[in-house]
Amino acid sequence: MQLAQQIEGYRLTTAEILYHLPDHPRLLQSYIWQDLDIAPRFPVLHKFLDFWSRQLDGKLHSVRVGAASLITPGEMRHTENLRFLN
């Protein structure tokens, strides 16, 4: 399943979510979320953040997102003077 998703354009997405502690709203806690998602709209992340807002007590402060392709074109290098040992 993951390979098919990657071919369709999904990327490994990491989000650092800062949220207010429910019992101490002046304090922030960090949560790291990671999943395959499609940049730049990030529908999987948005679904998670909607769940968070509806179901969890910690009010969201900010979200920082990074995404990277897991499948990349191969790299080809030309070399000169190849010598094989006998």
N, C-alpha and C. Protein backbone atom coordinates (compact mmCIF):
# COMPACT_ATOMS: atom_id res chain seq x y z
N MET A 1 0.82 -1.20 0.00
CA MET A 1 0.00 0.00 0.00
C MET A 1 0.86 1.26 0.00
N GLN A 2 1.92 1.31 0.83
CA GLN A 2 2.74 2.51 0.89
C GLN A 2 3.43 2.79 -0.43
N LEU A 3 3.92 1.76 -1.12
CA LEU A 3 4.58 1.98 -2.41
C LEU A 3 3.60 2.58 -3.41
N ALA A 4 2.39 2.06 -3.46
CA ALA A 4 1.38 2.61 -4.37
C ALA A 4 1.08 4.06 -4.03
N GLN A 5 0.99 4.38 -2.75
CA GLN A 5 0.75 5.77 -2.34
C GLN A 5 1.90 6.67 -2.77
N GLN A 6 3.12 6.20 -2.61
CA GLN A 6 4.28 7.01 -2.98
C GLN A 6 4.30 7.28 -4.47
N ILE A 7 3.94 6.29 -5.27
CA ILE A 7 3.88 6.47 -6.72
C ILE A 7 2.81 7.49 -7.08
N GLU A 8 1.73 7.54 -6.30
CA GLU A 8 0.64 8.49 -6.55
C GLU A 8 0.95 9.90 -6.04
N GLY A 9 2.12 10.11 -5.47
CA GLY A 9 2.50 11.45 -5.04
C GLY A 9 2.51 11.69 -3.55
N TYR A 10 2.22 10.67 -2.76
CA TYR A 10 2.27 10.83 -1.31
C TYR A 10 3.73 10.98 -0.89
N ARG A 11 3.96 11.79 0.13
CA ARG A 11 5.30 12.02 0.66
C ARG A 11 5.29 11.78 2.16
N LEU A 12 6.45 11.43 2.69
CA LEU A 12 6.57 11.32 4.13
C LEU A 12 6.46 12.72 4.70
N THR A 13 5.45 12.94 5.52
CA THR A 13 5.16 14.25 6.07
C THR A 13 5.34 14.20 7.58
N THR A 14 6.07 15.17 8.10
CA THR A 14 6.27 15.28 9.54
C THR A 14 5.75 16.64 9.98
N ALA A 15 4.98 16.64 11.06
CA ALA A 15 4.46 17.89 11.59
C ALA A 15 4.82 17.99 13.07
N GLU A 16 5.35 19.15 13.44
CA GLU A 16 5.55 19.45 14.86
C GLU A 16 4.36 20.28 15.30
N ILE A 17 3.58 19.73 16.21
CA ILE A 17 2.36 20.38 16.67
C ILE A 17 2.61 20.91 18.08
N LEU A 18 2.46 22.22 18.25
CA LEU A 18 2.55 22.82 19.57
C LEU A 18 1.13 23.07 20.05
N TYR A 19 0.87 22.67 21.30
CA TYR A 19 -0.48 22.86 21.85
C TYR A 19 -0.39 23.28 23.31
N HIS A 20 -1.46 23.92 23.77
CA HIS A 20 -1.54 24.38 25.16
C HIS A 20 -1.95 23.21 26.04
N LEU A 21 -1.25 23.06 27.16
CA LEU A 21 -1.63 22.02 28.11
C LEU A 21 -3.00 22.37 28.70
N PRO A 22 -3.93 21.42 28.75
CA PRO A 22 -5.28 21.71 29.24
C PRO A 22 -5.30 22.27 30.67
N ASP A 23 -4.49 21.72 31.56
CA ASP A 23 -4.50 22.16 32.96
C ASP A 23 -3.65 23.40 33.21
N HIS A 24 -2.74 23.70 32.28
CA HIS A 24 -1.84 24.85 32.40
C HIS A 24 -1.74 25.53 31.04
N PRO A 25 -2.75 26.29 30.64
CA PRO A 25 -2.83 26.84 29.27
C PRO A 25 -1.66 27.74 28.87
N ARG A 26 -0.90 28.25 29.84
CA ARG A 26 0.25 29.09 29.49
C ARG A 26 1.45 28.26 29.03
N LEU A 27 1.43 26.96 29.30
CA LEU A 27 2.52 26.08 28.91
C LEU A 27 2.21 25.40 27.59
N LEU A 28 3.25 25.25 26.76
CA LEU A 28 3.10 24.57 25.49
C LEU A 28 3.79 23.21 25.55
N GLN A 29 3.19 22.25 24.88
CA GLN A 29 3.74 20.90 24.74
C GLN A 29 3.93 20.64 23.25
N SER A 30 4.93 19.85 22.92
CA SER A 30 5.20 19.51 21.53
C SER A 30 4.78 18.08 21.25
N TYR A 31 4.18 17.86 20.07
CA TYR A 31 3.78 16.53 19.63
C TYR A 31 4.27 16.38 18.18
N ILE A 32 4.93 15.27 17.90
CA ILE A 32 5.41 15.01 16.54
C ILE A 32 4.49 13.99 15.87
N TRP A 33 3.97 14.36 14.71
CA TRP A 33 3.07 13.51 13.92
C TRP A 33 3.77 13.19 12.61
N GLN A 34 3.63 11.94 12.14
CA GLN A 34 4.27 11.55 10.88
C GLN A 34 3.39 10.54 10.16
N ASP A 35 3.20 10.77 8.84
CA ASP A 35 2.39 9.87 8.01
C ASP A 35 2.67 10.21 6.55
N LEU A 36 2.17 9.38 5.65
CA LEU A 36 2.24 9.70 4.23
C LEU A 36 1.10 10.66 3.90
N ASP A 37 1.41 11.72 3.15
CA ASP A 37 0.40 12.72 2.82
C ASP A 37 0.77 13.36 1.48
N ILE A 38 -0.14 14.15 0.94
CA ILE A 38 0.07 14.79 -0.36
C ILE A 38 0.29 16.29 -0.16
N ALA A 39 1.48 16.77 -0.53
CA ALA A 39 1.78 18.21 -0.44
C ALA A 39 1.20 18.89 -1.67
N PRO A 40 0.81 20.12 -1.63
CA PRO A 40 0.86 21.06 -0.52
C PRO A 40 -0.44 21.15 0.28
N ARG A 41 -1.44 20.36 -0.06
CA ARG A 41 -2.73 20.47 0.62
C ARG A 41 -2.79 19.68 1.93
N PHE A 42 -2.03 18.60 2.04
CA PHE A 42 -1.93 17.77 3.24
C PHE A 42 -3.29 17.33 3.80
N PRO A 43 -4.09 16.60 3.01
CA PRO A 43 -5.43 16.19 3.48
C PRO A 43 -5.38 15.25 4.69
N VAL A 44 -4.37 14.39 4.79
CA VAL A 44 -4.28 13.46 5.92
C VAL A 44 -3.98 14.24 7.20
N LEU A 45 -3.07 15.19 7.12
CA LEU A 45 -2.74 16.03 8.28
C LEU A 45 -3.95 16.85 8.70
N HIS A 46 -4.65 17.44 7.73
CA HIS A 46 -5.84 18.23 8.07
C HIS A 46 -6.90 17.38 8.75
N LYS A 47 -7.07 16.15 8.31
CA LYS A 47 -8.03 15.25 8.95
C LYS A 47 -7.63 14.99 10.40
N PHE A 48 -6.32 14.78 10.64
CA PHE A 48 -5.84 14.57 12.00
C PHE A 48 -6.05 15.82 12.86
N LEU A 49 -5.73 17.00 12.31
CA LEU A 49 -5.90 18.23 13.08
C LEU A 49 -7.37 18.52 13.37
N ASP A 50 -8.26 18.17 12.45
CA ASP A 50 -9.70 18.31 12.71
C ASP A 50 -10.12 17.40 13.85
N PHE A 51 -9.62 16.15 13.85
CA PHE A 51 -9.89 15.22 14.95
C PHE A 51 -9.38 15.81 16.26
N TRP A 52 -8.16 16.32 16.24
CA TRP A 52 -7.56 16.90 17.44
C TRP A 52 -8.47 18.01 18.00
N SER A 53 -8.89 18.92 17.13
CA SER A 53 -9.71 20.06 17.56
C SER A 53 -11.05 19.62 18.14
N ARG A 54 -11.63 18.56 17.58
CA ARG A 54 -12.93 18.08 18.06
C ARG A 54 -12.84 17.23 19.32
N GLN A 55 -11.80 16.39 19.42
CA GLN A 55 -11.78 15.34 20.45
C GLN A 55 -10.81 15.55 21.61
N LEU A 56 -9.76 16.34 21.41
CA LEU A 56 -8.74 16.48 22.44
C LEU A 56 -8.85 17.83 23.15
N ASP A 57 -8.39 17.86 24.40
CA ASP A 57 -8.53 19.06 25.21
C ASP A 57 -7.48 20.12 24.94
N GLY A 58 -6.30 19.74 24.50
CA GLY A 58 -5.23 20.72 24.30
C GLY A 58 -5.49 21.58 23.07
N LYS A 59 -5.66 22.89 23.28
CA LYS A 59 -5.91 23.81 22.17
C LYS A 59 -4.63 23.96 21.33
N LEU A 60 -4.78 23.88 20.02
CA LEU A 60 -3.63 23.99 19.12
C LEU A 60 -3.05 25.40 19.16
N HIS A 61 -1.74 25.46 19.17
CA HIS A 61 -1.03 26.74 19.13
C HIS A 61 -0.46 26.98 17.73
N SER A 62 0.31 26.01 17.21
CA SER A 62 0.91 26.15 15.89
C SER A 62 1.31 24.78 15.36
N VAL A 63 1.49 24.72 14.04
CA VAL A 63 1.90 23.47 13.37
C VAL A 63 2.99 23.84 12.37
N ARG A 64 4.10 23.11 12.44
CA ARG A 64 5.19 23.27 11.48
C ARG A 64 5.31 21.97 10.70
N VAL A 65 5.31 22.08 9.36
CA VAL A 65 5.22 20.90 8.50
C VAL A 65 6.44 20.80 7.59
N GLY A 66 6.91 19.56 7.41
CA GLY A 66 7.97 19.27 6.45
C GLY A 66 7.59 18.01 5.70
N ALA A 67 7.93 17.94 4.40
CA ALA A 67 7.59 16.77 3.59
C ALA A 67 8.75 16.44 2.67
N ALA A 68 8.97 15.15 2.47
CA ALA A 68 10.05 14.70 1.59
C ALA A 68 9.60 13.48 0.81
N SER A 69 9.96 13.44 -0.46
CA SER A 69 9.66 12.27 -1.29
C SER A 69 10.53 11.11 -0.84
N LEU A 70 9.95 9.94 -0.76
CA LEU A 70 10.71 8.75 -0.40
C LEU A 70 11.28 8.07 -1.63
N ILE A 71 10.56 8.19 -2.73
CA ILE A 71 11.03 7.63 -4.00
C ILE A 71 11.56 8.78 -4.83
N THR A 72 12.83 8.70 -5.19
CA THR A 72 13.43 9.75 -5.99
C THR A 72 14.09 9.13 -7.22
N PRO A 73 14.29 9.90 -8.25
CA PRO A 73 14.96 9.36 -9.43
C PRO A 73 16.36 8.87 -9.07
N GLY A 74 16.78 7.82 -9.69
CA GLY A 74 18.11 7.30 -9.43
C GLY A 74 19.18 8.27 -9.88
N GLU A 75 20.32 8.19 -9.28
CA GLU A 75 21.42 9.05 -9.62
C GLU A 75 22.44 8.24 -10.41
N MET A 76 22.88 8.79 -11.53
CA MET A 76 23.82 8.08 -12.39
C MET A 76 25.10 8.89 -12.49
N ARG A 77 26.21 8.22 -12.28
CA ARG A 77 27.49 8.90 -12.36
C ARG A 77 28.35 8.19 -13.40
N HIS A 78 29.04 8.98 -14.19
CA HIS A 78 29.99 8.44 -15.16
C HIS A 78 31.37 8.48 -14.52
N THR A 79 32.08 7.41 -14.67
CA THR A 79 33.44 7.39 -14.14
C THR A 79 34.41 7.13 -15.29
N GLU A 80 35.61 7.60 -15.10
CA GLU A 80 36.65 7.39 -16.09
C GLU A 80 37.72 6.49 -15.48
N ASN A 81 38.46 5.81 -16.34
CA ASN A 81 39.59 5.00 -15.92
C ASN A 81 39.20 3.90 -14.92
N LEU A 82 38.20 3.14 -15.25
CA LEU A 82 37.85 2.02 -14.40
C LEU A 82 38.91 0.95 -14.54
N ARG A 83 39.38 0.41 -13.46
CA ARG A 83 40.37 -0.66 -13.49
C ARG A 83 39.84 -1.80 -12.66
N PHE A 84 39.92 -2.96 -13.19
CA PHE A 84 39.49 -4.16 -12.48
C PHE A 84 40.70 -4.93 -12.01
N LEU A 85 40.62 -5.41 -10.79
CA LEU A 85 41.70 -6.23 -10.26
C LEU A 85 41.56 -7.65 -10.77
N ASN A 86 42.66 -8.24 -11.17
CA ASN A 86 42.64 -9.65 -11.64
C ASN A 86 42.88 -10.57 -10.48
